[in-house]
C-alpha atoms as a PDB file:
ATOM      1  CA  UNK A   1       0.000   0.000   0.000  1.00  0.00           C
ATOM      2  CA  UNK A   2       1.377   3.420  -0.911  1.00  0.00           C
ATOM      3  CA  UNK A   3       1.668   6.109   1.706  1.00  0.00           C
ATOM      4  CA  UNK A   4      -1.171   8.650   1.734  1.00  0.00           C
ATOM      5  CA  UNK A   5      -0.268  12.201   0.752  1.00  0.00           C
ATOM      6  CA  UNK A   6      -1.692  14.609   3.307  1.00  0.00           C
ATOM      7  CA  UNK A   7      -1.402  18.362   3.654  1.00  0.00           C
ATOM      8  CA  UNK A   8      -0.006  18.285   7.192  1.00  0.00           C
ATOM      9  CA  UNK A   9       3.794  17.914   7.238  1.00  0.00           C
ATOM     10  CA  UNK A  10       5.645  15.751   9.748  1.00  0.00           C
ATOM     11  CA  UNK A  11       5.519  17.424  13.161  1.00  0.00           C
ATOM     12  CA  UNK A  12       8.456  19.377  14.597  1.00  0.00           C
ATOM     13  CA  UNK A  13       9.665  18.818  18.131  1.00  0.00           C
ATOM     14  CA  UNK A  14       8.316  21.795  20.117  1.00  0.00           C
ATOM     15  CA  UNK A  15       7.591  22.500  23.754  1.00  0.00           C
ATOM     16  CA  UNK A  16       3.838  23.230  23.811  1.00  0.00           C
ATOM     17  CA  UNK A  17       1.739  25.678  25.802  1.00  0.00           C
ATOM     18  CA  UNK A  18      -1.218  23.811  27.307  1.00  0.00           C
ATOM     19  CA  UNK A  19      -4.674  24.886  26.127  1.00  0.00           C
ATOM     20  CA  UNK A  20      -7.977  23.203  26.951  1.00  0.00           C
ATOM     21  CA  UNK A  21     -10.872  23.195  24.466  1.00  0.00           C
ATOM     22  CA  UNK A  22     -14.189  21.401  24.005  1.00  0.00           C
ATOM     23  CA  UNK A  23     -15.126  20.102  20.547  1.00  0.00           C
ATOM     24  CA  UNK A  24     -18.151  18.392  19.045  1.00  0.00           C
ATOM     25  CA  UNK A  25     -18.130  14.581  18.732  1.00  0.00           C
ATOM     26  CA  UNK A  26     -18.177  14.608  14.924  1.00  0.00           C
ATOM     27  CA  UNK A  27     -15.074  16.808  14.821  1.00  0.00           C
ATOM     28  CA  UNK A  28     -13.334  14.492  17.296  1.00  0.00           C
ATOM     29  CA  UNK A  29     -14.156  11.559  15.044  1.00  0.00           C
ATOM     30  CA  UNK A  30     -12.638  13.380  12.061  1.00  0.00           C
ATOM     31  CA  UNK A  31      -9.529  14.215  14.084  1.00  0.00           C
ATOM     32  CA  UNK A  32      -9.151  10.585  15.202  1.00  0.00           C
ATOM     33  CA  UNK A  33      -9.406   9.494  11.566  1.00  0.00           C
ATOM     34  CA  UNK A  34      -6.830  12.107  10.532  1.00  0.00           C
ATOM     35  CA  UNK A  35      -4.435  10.804  13.195  1.00  0.00           C
ATOM     36  CA  UNK A  36      -4.776   7.290  11.754  1.00  0.00           C
ATOM     37  CA  UNK A  37      -4.074   8.594   8.249  1.00  0.00           C
ATOM     38  CA  UNK A  38      -1.076  10.555   9.565  1.00  0.00           C
ATOM     39  CA  UNK A  39       0.296   7.316  11.032  1.00  0.00           C
ATOM     40  CA  UNK A  40      -0.180   5.553   7.692  1.00  0.00           C
ATOM     41  CA  UNK A  41       1.595   8.403   5.893  1.00  0.00           C
ATOM     42  CA  UNK A  42       4.607   8.712   8.218  1.00  0.00           C
ATOM     43  CA  UNK A  43       4.787   5.358   9.990  1.00  0.00           C
ATOM     44  CA  UNK A  44       4.552   6.841  13.445  1.00  0.00           C
ATOM     45  CA  UNK A  45       1.508   7.463  15.612  1.00  0.00           C
ATOM     46  CA  UNK A  46       0.689  10.964  16.850  1.00  0.00           C
ATOM     47  CA  UNK A  47      -2.077  11.970  19.196  1.00  0.00           C
ATOM     48  CA  UNK A  48      -4.803  14.320  18.049  1.00  0.00           C
ATOM     49  CA  UNK A  49      -3.485  16.818  20.615  1.00  0.00           C
ATOM     50  CA  UNK A  50      -0.067  16.712  18.928  1.00  0.00           C
ATOM     51  CA  UNK A  51      -1.548  17.243  15.443  1.00  0.00           C
ATOM     52  CA  UNK A  52      -3.884  20.151  16.227  1.00  0.00           C
ATOM     53  CA  UNK A  53      -1.192  22.870  16.625  1.00  0.00           C
ATOM     54  CA  UNK A  54       0.219  22.150  13.157  1.00  0.00           C
ATOM     55  CA  UNK A  55      -3.273  22.077  11.694  1.00  0.00           C
ATOM     56  CA  UNK A  56      -4.033  25.475  13.220  1.00  0.00           C
ATOM     57  CA  UNK A  57      -0.667  26.874  12.084  1.00  0.00           C
ATOM     58  CA  UNK A  58      -1.405  25.729   8.530  1.00  0.00           C
ATOM     59  CA  UNK A  59      -4.900  27.191   8.635  1.00  0.00           C
ATOM     60  CA  UNK A  60      -3.640  30.570   9.811  1.00  0.00           C
ATOM     61  CA  UNK A  61      -0.784  30.563   7.279  1.00  0.00           C
ATOM     62  CA  UNK A  62      -3.266  29.991   4.441  1.00  0.00           C
ATOM     63  CA  UNK A  63      -5.719  32.737   5.518  1.00  0.00           C
ATOM     64  CA  UNK A  64      -5.042  35.736   3.274  1.00  0.00           C
ATOM     65  CA  UNK A  65      -7.565  37.916   5.127  1.00  0.00           C
ATOM     66  CA  UNK A  66      -5.783  37.255   8.402  1.00  0.00           C
ATOM     67  CA  UNK A  67      -2.396  38.106   6.888  1.00  0.00           C
ATOM     68  CA  UNK A  68      -3.704  41.387   5.490  1.00  0.00           C
ATOM     69  CA  UNK A  69      -5.412  42.365   8.750  1.00  0.00           C
ATOM     70  CA  UNK A  70      -2.283  41.487  10.721  1.00  0.00           C
ATOM     71  CA  UNK A  71      -0.091  43.610   8.448  1.00  0.00           C
ATOM     72  CA  UNK A  72      -2.525  46.506   8.822  1.00  0.00           C
ATOM     73  CA  UNK A  73      -2.581  46.062  12.580  1.00  0.00           C
ATOM     74  CA  UNK A  74       1.210  45.988  12.783  1.00  0.00           C
ATOM     75  CA  UNK A  75       1.513  49.096  10.596  1.00  0.00           C
ATOM     76  CA  UNK A  76      -0.898  51.051  12.789  1.00  0.00           C
ATOM     77  CA  UNK A  77       1.038  50.380  16.017  1.00  0.00           C
END
């Protein structure tokens, strides 16, 4: 079986800041499935909690409206 190609890159080794959130069951199911696919792609298991920061980083990095607003905010300070 070939390795799946997924958008999330292999995780870096970082010291995290703890953050607690509550999510809906269907999202948790999707995240569990993503973790299984990540393991198939890279041959190593990762917890959902370990994957979420990279997912959020990728989401923010791809948000053009956020980038523009951030630039504007930085220019006005």
